[in-house]
């Protein structure tokens, strides 16, 4: 029986993280009127909130169209940068459904004032901590999925075998997908509350310590873990693991009955939940 068909699961949310993740990704809000996964709606709200916070929160004075463009930059910025590096089509030109969904949610939150309510809720002393925890969980799940399916999967299908097998490229992909938006925002001053965007020398280029933030390195670490757990010829790609082989063999034997999807998805969450 599938998890979503189990009445116990439906009542008490008793299932593995992998089953829950599969449910929220595939279960539609309504099969006819709104055939969109629950998590897609949640992530659209999260991206809209990130857009509003990036542009100054309650101080933001962006007009609706510019705010809408910024929302798409937050959504597609990192993946577009990665696509340019890999010589692939930019995601925003082949994702019309995502553009419609995320834009509609953002416009709805802007026009109804619900977006500003979330900003004020996030600014509260007690509610802010709750909001941080919720956002961290959403980021962890969605960024892990993005690294796996938009990053590593694309790299392994790359026509250049050197790129397809490069661990460095995978680490860069994980870092960009998870933490690329702050780099783009600093380069174009997207954080201006008045919408005065311009190309400048990014602060992180002048002060390298600004690159030491969890989103960037957490994404690289998540990509490394996924690569280790899913790639073949581990000893060839990771020769430094040989001394740890006895320990890893024992550990894998103890966990062989665990769902493989949990092994691929759960570990990176810990490093992606700080952003």
C-alpha atoms as a PDB file:
ATOM      1  CA  UNK A   1       0.000   0.000   0.000  1.00  0.00           C
ATOM      2  CA  UNK A   2       1.248   3.475  -0.860  1.00  0.00           C
ATOM      3  CA  UNK A   3       1.652   5.926   1.990  1.00  0.00           C
ATOM      4  CA  UNK A   4      -0.985   8.340   0.713  1.00  0.00           C
ATOM      5  CA  UNK A   5      -3.527   5.467   0.531  1.00  0.00           C
ATOM      6  CA  UNK A   6      -2.925   4.401   4.123  1.00  0.00           C
ATOM      7  CA  UNK A   7      -5.573   5.806   6.534  1.00  0.00           C
ATOM      8  CA  UNK A   8      -3.112   5.623   9.424  1.00  0.00           C
ATOM      9  CA  UNK A   9      -0.676   7.748   7.483  1.00  0.00           C
ATOM     10  CA  UNK A  10      -3.434  10.197   6.584  1.00  0.00           C
ATOM     11  CA  UNK A  11      -4.503  10.562  10.210  1.00  0.00           C
ATOM     12  CA  UNK A  12      -1.233  10.505  12.087  1.00  0.00           C
ATOM     13  CA  UNK A  13       1.431  11.316   9.486  1.00  0.00           C
ATOM     14  CA  UNK A  14       3.178   8.035  10.274  1.00  0.00           C
ATOM     15  CA  UNK A  15       5.557   7.446   7.386  1.00  0.00           C
ATOM     16  CA  UNK A  16       9.165   7.824   6.451  1.00  0.00           C
ATOM     17  CA  UNK A  17      10.454  11.194   5.366  1.00  0.00           C
ATOM     18  CA  UNK A  18      10.888   9.814   1.867  1.00  0.00           C
ATOM     19  CA  UNK A  19       7.238   8.756   1.643  1.00  0.00           C
ATOM     20  CA  UNK A  20       6.110  12.135   2.972  1.00  0.00           C
ATOM     21  CA  UNK A  21       8.294  13.903   0.473  1.00  0.00           C
ATOM     22  CA  UNK A  22       6.903  11.845  -2.396  1.00  0.00           C
ATOM     23  CA  UNK A  23       3.367  12.602  -1.241  1.00  0.00           C
ATOM     24  CA  UNK A  24       3.716  16.374  -1.043  1.00  0.00           C
ATOM     25  CA  UNK A  25       5.528  16.487  -4.377  1.00  0.00           C
ATOM     26  CA  UNK A  26       2.956  14.418  -6.285  1.00  0.00           C
ATOM     27  CA  UNK A  27      -0.355  14.957  -4.495  1.00  0.00           C
ATOM     28  CA  UNK A  28      -2.260  17.753  -6.238  1.00  0.00           C
ATOM     29  CA  UNK A  29      -4.286  20.405  -4.446  1.00  0.00           C
ATOM     30  CA  UNK A  30      -7.195  19.534  -6.753  1.00  0.00           C
ATOM     31  CA  UNK A  31      -7.032  17.038  -9.634  1.00  0.00           C
ATOM     32  CA  UNK A  32      -9.054  19.294 -11.980  1.00  0.00           C
ATOM     33  CA  UNK A  33      -9.133  22.921 -10.853  1.00  0.00           C
ATOM     34  CA  UNK A  34      -5.645  23.149  -9.386  1.00  0.00           C
ATOM     35  CA  UNK A  35      -3.456  20.225 -10.529  1.00  0.00           C
ATOM     36  CA  UNK A  36      -0.419  21.505  -8.662  1.00  0.00           C
ATOM     37  CA  UNK A  37       1.534  19.712  -5.943  1.00  0.00           C
ATOM     38  CA  UNK A  38       1.140  20.995  -2.388  1.00  0.00           C
ATOM     39  CA  UNK A  39       4.846  21.603  -2.018  1.00  0.00           C
ATOM     40  CA  UNK A  40       4.921  23.646  -5.221  1.00  0.00           C
ATOM     41  CA  UNK A  41       2.382  26.052  -3.719  1.00  0.00           C
ATOM     42  CA  UNK A  42       4.315  26.186  -0.457  1.00  0.00           C
ATOM     43  CA  UNK A  43       7.571  26.841  -2.287  1.00  0.00           C
ATOM     44  CA  UNK A  44       5.943  29.563  -4.394  1.00  0.00           C
ATOM     45  CA  UNK A  45       4.883  31.309  -1.180  1.00  0.00           C
ATOM     46  CA  UNK A  46       8.392  30.842   0.194  1.00  0.00           C
ATOM     47  CA  UNK A  47       9.990  32.381  -2.939  1.00  0.00           C
ATOM     48  CA  UNK A  48       7.555  35.292  -2.818  1.00  0.00           C
ATOM     49  CA  UNK A  49       8.444  35.912   0.822  1.00  0.00           C
ATOM     50  CA  UNK A  50      12.161  35.729   0.024  1.00  0.00           C
ATOM     51  CA  UNK A  51      11.623  38.290  -2.738  1.00  0.00           C
ATOM     52  CA  UNK A  52       9.896  40.645  -0.338  1.00  0.00           C
ATOM     53  CA  UNK A  53      12.589  40.257   2.331  1.00  0.00           C
ATOM     54  CA  UNK A  54      15.359  40.733  -0.240  1.00  0.00           C
ATOM     55  CA  UNK A  55      13.897  44.053  -1.352  1.00  0.00           C
ATOM     56  CA  UNK A  56      13.725  45.477   2.157  1.00  0.00           C
ATOM     57  CA  UNK A  57      10.720  43.818   3.747  1.00  0.00           C
ATOM     58  CA  UNK A  58       8.275  46.465   5.010  1.00  0.00           C
ATOM     59  CA  UNK A  59      10.494  49.213   3.538  1.00  0.00           C
ATOM     60  CA  UNK A  60      10.221  47.865  -0.008  1.00  0.00           C
ATOM     61  CA  UNK A  61       8.818  50.339  -2.536  1.00  0.00           C
ATOM     62  CA  UNK A  62       9.036  48.260  -5.689  1.00  0.00           C
ATOM     63  CA  UNK A  63       6.163  48.475  -8.119  1.00  0.00           C
ATOM     64  CA  UNK A  64       4.327  45.276  -8.877  1.00  0.00           C
ATOM     65  CA  UNK A  65       6.031  44.540 -12.200  1.00  0.00           C
ATOM     66  CA  UNK A  66       9.551  45.052 -10.828  1.00  0.00           C
ATOM     67  CA  UNK A  67       8.687  42.960  -7.793  1.00  0.00           C
ATOM     68  CA  UNK A  68       7.431  40.259 -10.154  1.00  0.00           C
ATOM     69  CA  UNK A  69      10.702  40.330 -12.108  1.00  0.00           C
ATOM     70  CA  UNK A  70      12.669  40.082  -8.858  1.00  0.00           C
ATOM     71  CA  UNK A  71      10.547  37.101  -7.853  1.00  0.00           C
ATOM     72  CA  UNK A  72      11.560  35.307 -11.062  1.00  0.00           C
ATOM     73  CA  UNK A  73      15.210  36.218 -10.471  1.00  0.00           C
ATOM     74  CA  UNK A  74      15.031  34.641  -7.021  1.00  0.00           C
ATOM     75  CA  UNK A  75      13.394  31.557  -8.533  1.00  0.00           C
ATOM     76  CA  UNK A  76      15.554  31.101 -11.638  1.00  0.00           C
ATOM     77  CA  UNK A  77      18.741  33.045 -10.883  1.00  0.00           C
ATOM     78  CA  UNK A  78      20.891  30.221  -9.546  1.00  0.00           C
ATOM     79  CA  UNK A  79      19.705  27.597 -12.031  1.00  0.00           C
ATOM     80  CA  UNK A  80      20.176  30.020 -14.929  1.00  0.00           C
ATOM     81  CA  UNK A  81      23.726  30.762 -13.843  1.00  0.00           C
ATOM     82  CA  UNK A  82      24.437  27.037 -13.649  1.00  0.00           C
ATOM     83  CA  UNK A  83      22.869  26.493 -17.085  1.00  0.00           C
ATOM     84  CA  UNK A  84      25.138  29.168 -18.569  1.00  0.00           C
ATOM     85  CA  UNK A  85      28.197  27.485 -17.070  1.00  0.00           C
ATOM     86  CA  UNK A  86      27.131  24.108 -18.483  1.00  0.00           C
ATOM     87  CA  UNK A  87      26.068  25.439 -21.878  1.00  0.00           C
ATOM     88  CA  UNK A  88      22.438  24.390 -21.377  1.00  0.00           C
ATOM     89  CA  UNK A  89      19.162  26.243 -22.107  1.00  0.00           C
ATOM     90  CA  UNK A  90      18.201  28.738 -19.420  1.00  0.00           C
ATOM     91  CA  UNK A  91      15.461  27.194 -17.228  1.00  0.00           C
ATOM     92  CA  UNK A  92      13.168  30.208 -17.420  1.00  0.00           C
ATOM     93  CA  UNK A  93      12.723  29.828 -21.190  1.00  0.00           C
ATOM     94  CA  UNK A  94      11.550  26.223 -20.885  1.00  0.00           C
ATOM     95  CA  UNK A  95       9.445  26.486 -17.705  1.00  0.00           C
ATOM     96  CA  UNK A  96       6.227  28.354 -18.606  1.00  0.00           C
ATOM     97  CA  UNK A  97       4.143  26.483 -16.031  1.00  0.00           C
ATOM     98  CA  UNK A  98       6.517  27.434 -13.214  1.00  0.00           C
ATOM     99  CA  UNK A  99       6.500  31.065 -14.347  1.00  0.00           C
ATOM    100  CA  UNK A 100       2.701  31.180 -14.316  1.00  0.00           C
ATOM    101  CA  UNK A 101       2.414  29.440 -10.935  1.00  0.00           C
ATOM    102  CA  UNK A 102       5.053  31.427  -9.055  1.00  0.00           C
ATOM    103  CA  UNK A 103       4.028  34.727 -10.631  1.00  0.00           C
ATOM    104  CA  UNK A 104       0.361  34.147  -9.793  1.00  0.00           C
ATOM    105  CA  UNK A 105       1.146  33.343  -6.166  1.00  0.00           C
ATOM    106  CA  UNK A 106       3.401  36.395  -5.868  1.00  0.00           C
ATOM    107  CA  UNK A 107       0.820  38.739  -7.397  1.00  0.00           C
ATOM    108  CA  UNK A 108      -1.871  37.300  -5.121  1.00  0.00           C
ATOM    109  CA  UNK A 109       0.230  37.860  -1.996  1.00  0.00           C
ATOM    110  CA  UNK A 110       1.161  41.368  -3.129  1.00  0.00           C
ATOM    111  CA  UNK A 111      -2.330  42.515  -4.053  1.00  0.00           C
ATOM    112  CA  UNK A 112      -4.072  41.064  -0.999  1.00  0.00           C
ATOM    113  CA  UNK A 113      -1.480  42.268   1.511  1.00  0.00           C
ATOM    114  CA  UNK A 114      -0.849  38.741   2.764  1.00  0.00           C
ATOM    115  CA  UNK A 115       2.792  39.062   1.768  1.00  0.00           C
ATOM    116  CA  UNK A 116       3.240  42.011   4.111  1.00  0.00           C
ATOM    117  CA  UNK A 117       1.495  40.046   6.864  1.00  0.00           C
ATOM    118  CA  UNK A 118       4.126  37.314   6.496  1.00  0.00           C
ATOM    119  CA  UNK A 119       6.884  39.930   6.682  1.00  0.00           C
ATOM    120  CA  UNK A 120       5.494  41.332   9.930  1.00  0.00           C
ATOM    121  CA  UNK A 121       5.008  37.820  11.277  1.00  0.00           C
ATOM    122  CA  UNK A 122       8.660  37.097  10.474  1.00  0.00           C
ATOM    123  CA  UNK A 123       9.769  40.270  12.245  1.00  0.00           C
ATOM    124  CA  UNK A 124       8.151  39.291  15.547  1.00  0.00           C
ATOM    125  CA  UNK A 125      10.322  38.141  18.438  1.00  0.00           C
ATOM    126  CA  UNK A 126       8.549  34.832  19.041  1.00  0.00           C
ATOM    127  CA  UNK A 127       6.828  34.315  15.713  1.00  0.00           C
ATOM    128  CA  UNK A 128      10.098  35.082  13.941  1.00  0.00           C
ATOM    129  CA  UNK A 129      11.729  31.984  15.410  1.00  0.00           C
ATOM    130  CA  UNK A 130       8.786  29.863  14.309  1.00  0.00           C
ATOM    131  CA  UNK A 131       8.986  31.392  10.851  1.00  0.00           C
ATOM    132  CA  UNK A 132      12.715  30.692  10.645  1.00  0.00           C
ATOM    133  CA  UNK A 133      12.123  27.035  11.459  1.00  0.00           C
ATOM    134  CA  UNK A 134       9.379  26.672   8.861  1.00  0.00           C
ATOM    135  CA  UNK A 135      11.412  28.411   6.160  1.00  0.00           C
ATOM    136  CA  UNK A 136      14.501  26.342   6.965  1.00  0.00           C
ATOM    137  CA  UNK A 137      12.505  23.136   6.538  1.00  0.00           C
ATOM    138  CA  UNK A 138      11.049  24.260   3.208  1.00  0.00           C
ATOM    139  CA  UNK A 139      14.484  25.351   1.981  1.00  0.00           C
ATOM    140  CA  UNK A 140      16.059  22.066   3.020  1.00  0.00           C
ATOM    141  CA  UNK A 141      13.529  19.931   1.152  1.00  0.00           C
ATOM    142  CA  UNK A 142      13.314  22.055  -1.985  1.00  0.00           C
ATOM    143  CA  UNK A 143      17.028  22.777  -2.315  1.00  0.00           C
ATOM    144  CA  UNK A 144      17.875  19.123  -1.883  1.00  0.00           C
ATOM    145  CA  UNK A 145      15.444  18.235  -4.663  1.00  0.00           C
ATOM    146  CA  UNK A 146      16.874  21.005  -6.842  1.00  0.00           C
ATOM    147  CA  UNK A 147      20.455  19.847  -6.311  1.00  0.00           C
ATOM    148  CA  UNK A 148      19.502  16.268  -7.149  1.00  0.00           C
ATOM    149  CA  UNK A 149      17.305  16.875 -10.190  1.00  0.00           C
ATOM    150  CA  UNK A 150      18.401  20.247 -11.585  1.00  0.00           C
ATOM    151  CA  UNK A 151      22.066  19.934 -10.681  1.00  0.00           C
ATOM    152  CA  UNK A 152      23.564  16.468 -10.464  1.00  0.00           C
ATOM    153  CA  UNK A 153      21.144  14.846 -12.913  1.00  0.00           C
ATOM    154  CA  UNK A 154      21.857  17.451 -15.592  1.00  0.00           C
ATOM    155  CA  UNK A 155      25.593  17.182 -15.067  1.00  0.00           C
ATOM    156  CA  UNK A 156      25.607  13.396 -15.430  1.00  0.00           C
ATOM    157  CA  UNK A 157      23.666  13.701 -18.692  1.00  0.00           C
ATOM    158  CA  UNK A 158      26.074  16.299 -20.064  1.00  0.00           C
ATOM    159  CA  UNK A 159      27.450  15.559 -23.524  1.00  0.00           C
ATOM    160  CA  UNK A 160      31.015  16.269 -22.393  1.00  0.00           C
ATOM    161  CA  UNK A 161      32.240  13.212 -20.434  1.00  0.00           C
ATOM    162  CA  UNK A 162      34.751  15.327 -18.507  1.00  0.00           C
ATOM    163  CA  UNK A 163      31.946  17.542 -17.195  1.00  0.00           C
ATOM    164  CA  UNK A 164      29.640  14.583 -16.595  1.00  0.00           C
ATOM    165  CA  UNK A 165      32.187  12.858 -14.341  1.00  0.00           C
ATOM    166  CA  UNK A 166      33.644  15.910 -12.613  1.00  0.00           C
ATOM    167  CA  UNK A 167      33.187  16.056  -8.853  1.00  0.00           C
ATOM    168  CA  UNK A 168      34.230  19.722  -8.873  1.00  0.00           C
ATOM    169  CA  UNK A 169      31.423  20.606 -11.269  1.00  0.00           C
ATOM    170  CA  UNK A 170      28.944  18.806  -9.013  1.00  0.00           C
ATOM    171  CA  UNK A 171      30.178  20.713  -5.964  1.00  0.00           C
ATOM    172  CA  UNK A 172      29.902  24.024  -7.815  1.00  0.00           C
ATOM    173  CA  UNK A 173      26.397  23.102  -8.945  1.00  0.00           C
ATOM    174  CA  UNK A 174      25.308  22.289  -5.398  1.00  0.00           C
ATOM    175  CA  UNK A 175      26.778  25.530  -4.076  1.00  0.00           C
ATOM    176  CA  UNK A 176      25.162  27.685  -6.764  1.00  0.00           C
ATOM    177  CA  UNK A 177      21.726  26.095  -6.549  1.00  0.00           C
ATOM    178  CA  UNK A 178      21.650  26.410  -2.770  1.00  0.00           C
ATOM    179  CA  UNK A 179      23.413  29.739  -2.275  1.00  0.00           C
ATOM    180  CA  UNK A 180      23.711  31.475  -5.631  1.00  0.00           C
ATOM    181  CA  UNK A 181      20.972  34.086  -5.199  1.00  0.00           C
ATOM    182  CA  UNK A 182      22.865  36.151  -2.556  1.00  0.00           C
ATOM    183  CA  UNK A 183      25.828  36.345  -4.947  1.00  0.00           C
ATOM    184  CA  UNK A 184      23.596  37.601  -7.758  1.00  0.00           C
ATOM    185  CA  UNK A 185      21.755  40.017  -5.464  1.00  0.00           C
ATOM    186  CA  UNK A 186      25.002  41.580  -4.249  1.00  0.00           C
ATOM    187  CA  UNK A 187      26.333  41.935  -7.800  1.00  0.00           C
ATOM    188  CA  UNK A 188      23.247  43.779  -9.074  1.00  0.00           C
ATOM    189  CA  UNK A 189      22.200  45.455  -5.795  1.00  0.00           C
ATOM    190  CA  UNK A 190      18.859  43.702  -5.862  1.00  0.00           C
ATOM    191  CA  UNK A 191      18.436  44.443  -2.159  1.00  0.00           C
ATOM    192  CA  UNK A 192      17.619  48.111  -2.826  1.00  0.00           C
ATOM    193  CA  UNK A 193      14.216  48.950  -1.266  1.00  0.00           C
ATOM    194  CA  UNK A 194      13.684  51.535  -4.015  1.00  0.00           C
ATOM    195  CA  UNK A 195      14.481  49.171  -6.872  1.00  0.00           C
ATOM    196  CA  UNK A 196      17.636  51.005  -7.964  1.00  0.00           C
ATOM    197  CA  UNK A 197      19.395  48.028  -9.502  1.00  0.00           C
ATOM    198  CA  UNK A 198      22.838  48.398 -11.040  1.00  0.00           C
ATOM    199  CA  UNK A 199      25.872  46.297 -11.829  1.00  0.00           C
ATOM    200  CA  UNK A 200      28.599  46.869  -9.223  1.00  0.00           C
ATOM    201  CA  UNK A 201      31.732  45.167  -7.991  1.00  0.00           C
ATOM    202  CA  UNK A 202      30.234  42.557  -5.651  1.00  0.00           C
ATOM    203  CA  UNK A 203      31.243  42.891  -1.983  1.00  0.00           C
ATOM    204  CA  UNK A 204      32.063  39.171  -1.837  1.00  0.00           C
ATOM    205  CA  UNK A 205      34.731  39.751  -4.480  1.00  0.00           C
ATOM    206  CA  UNK A 206      36.379  42.441  -2.367  1.00  0.00           C
ATOM    207  CA  UNK A 207      35.952  40.543   0.890  1.00  0.00           C
ATOM    208  CA  UNK A 208      36.171  36.773   0.430  1.00  0.00           C
ATOM    209  CA  UNK A 209      34.955  36.109   3.981  1.00  0.00           C
ATOM    210  CA  UNK A 210      31.467  37.032   2.762  1.00  0.00           C
ATOM    211  CA  UNK A 211      31.477  33.726   0.889  1.00  0.00           C
ATOM    212  CA  UNK A 212      31.582  31.813   4.168  1.00  0.00           C
ATOM    213  CA  UNK A 213      27.838  31.380   4.583  1.00  0.00           C
ATOM    214  CA  UNK A 214      25.980  28.144   5.213  1.00  0.00           C
ATOM    215  CA  UNK A 215      23.770  28.171   2.116  1.00  0.00           C
ATOM    216  CA  UNK A 216      26.740  28.130  -0.249  1.00  0.00           C
ATOM    217  CA  UNK A 217      28.872  25.527   1.504  1.00  0.00           C
ATOM    218  CA  UNK A 218      25.890  23.484   2.661  1.00  0.00           C
ATOM    219  CA  UNK A 219      24.847  23.050  -0.951  1.00  0.00           C
ATOM    220  CA  UNK A 220      28.333  21.896  -1.920  1.00  0.00           C
ATOM    221  CA  UNK A 221      28.362  19.431   0.972  1.00  0.00           C
ATOM    222  CA  UNK A 222      24.923  18.103   0.018  1.00  0.00           C
ATOM    223  CA  UNK A 223      26.110  17.587  -3.560  1.00  0.00           C
ATOM    224  CA  UNK A 224      29.189  15.735  -2.302  1.00  0.00           C
ATOM    225  CA  UNK A 225      27.069  13.409  -0.153  1.00  0.00           C
ATOM    226  CA  UNK A 226      24.660  12.703  -3.015  1.00  0.00           C
ATOM    227  CA  UNK A 227      27.556  12.019  -5.364  1.00  0.00           C
ATOM    228  CA  UNK A 228      29.091   9.625  -2.857  1.00  0.00           C
ATOM    229  CA  UNK A 229      25.844   7.727  -2.321  1.00  0.00           C
ATOM    230  CA  UNK A 230      24.732   7.493  -5.941  1.00  0.00           C
ATOM    231  CA  UNK A 231      27.849   7.231  -8.094  1.00  0.00           C
ATOM    232  CA  UNK A 232      29.666   4.064  -9.106  1.00  0.00           C
ATOM    233  CA  UNK A 233      33.405   3.370  -8.803  1.00  0.00           C
ATOM    234  CA  UNK A 234      33.555   5.079  -5.432  1.00  0.00           C
ATOM    235  CA  UNK A 235      37.142   4.034  -4.695  1.00  0.00           C
ATOM    236  CA  UNK A 236      38.330   5.535  -7.981  1.00  0.00           C
ATOM    237  CA  UNK A 237      36.569   8.848  -7.484  1.00  0.00           C
ATOM    238  CA  UNK A 238      37.212   9.053  -3.738  1.00  0.00           C
ATOM    239  CA  UNK A 239      40.582   7.353  -3.061  1.00  0.00           C
ATOM    240  CA  UNK A 240      40.771   8.923   0.380  1.00  0.00           C
ATOM    241  CA  UNK A 241      37.852   6.702   1.446  1.00  0.00           C
ATOM    242  CA  UNK A 242      39.929   3.509   1.283  1.00  0.00           C
ATOM    243  CA  UNK A 243      41.137   3.695   4.922  1.00  0.00           C
ATOM    244  CA  UNK A 244      37.510   4.115   5.998  1.00  0.00           C
ATOM    245  CA  UNK A 245      36.288   1.110   4.007  1.00  0.00           C
ATOM    246  CA  UNK A 246      35.899  -1.300   6.991  1.00  0.00           C
ATOM    247  CA  UNK A 247      33.854   1.237   8.934  1.00  0.00           C
ATOM    248  CA  UNK A 248      31.724   2.139   5.910  1.00  0.00           C
ATOM    249  CA  UNK A 249      31.106  -1.533   5.143  1.00  0.00           C
ATOM    250  CA  UNK A 250      29.829  -2.121   8.665  1.00  0.00           C
ATOM    251  CA  UNK A 251      27.700   1.027   8.547  1.00  0.00           C
ATOM    252  CA  UNK A 252      26.184   0.155   5.162  1.00  0.00           C
ATOM    253  CA  UNK A 253      25.411  -3.378   6.377  1.00  0.00           C
ATOM    254  CA  UNK A 254      23.488  -1.937   9.322  1.00  0.00           C
ATOM    255  CA  UNK A 255      21.537   0.445   7.098  1.00  0.00           C
ATOM    256  CA  UNK A 256      20.975  -1.741   4.044  1.00  0.00           C
ATOM    257  CA  UNK A 257      17.292  -2.173   4.859  1.00  0.00           C
ATOM    258  CA  UNK A 258      16.655   1.562   4.960  1.00  0.00           C
ATOM    259  CA  UNK A 259      14.840   3.232   2.089  1.00  0.00           C
ATOM    260  CA  UNK A 260      17.423   4.282  -0.492  1.00  0.00           C
ATOM    261  CA  UNK A 261      15.567   7.508  -1.064  1.00  0.00           C
ATOM    262  CA  UNK A 262      16.060   8.479   2.570  1.00  0.00           C
ATOM    263  CA  UNK A 263      19.779   7.878   2.274  1.00  0.00           C
ATOM    264  CA  UNK A 264      19.875  10.171  -0.737  1.00  0.00           C
ATOM    265  CA  UNK A 265      17.671  12.922   0.596  1.00  0.00           C
ATOM    266  CA  UNK A 266      17.728  13.040   4.367  1.00  0.00           C
ATOM    267  CA  UNK A 267      21.432  13.620   5.107  1.00  0.00           C
ATOM    268  CA  UNK A 268      21.758  16.835   3.062  1.00  0.00           C
ATOM    269  CA  UNK A 269      18.799  18.339   4.881  1.00  0.00           C
ATOM    270  CA  UNK A 270      20.902  18.854   7.969  1.00  0.00           C
ATOM    271  CA  UNK A 271      23.323  21.052   6.061  1.00  0.00           C
ATOM    272  CA  UNK A 272      20.665  22.872   4.036  1.00  0.00           C
ATOM    273  CA  UNK A 273      18.419  23.892   6.924  1.00  0.00           C
ATOM    274  CA  UNK A 274      20.495  26.814   8.142  1.00  0.00           C
ATOM    275  CA  UNK A 275      19.647  29.263   5.346  1.00  0.00           C
END
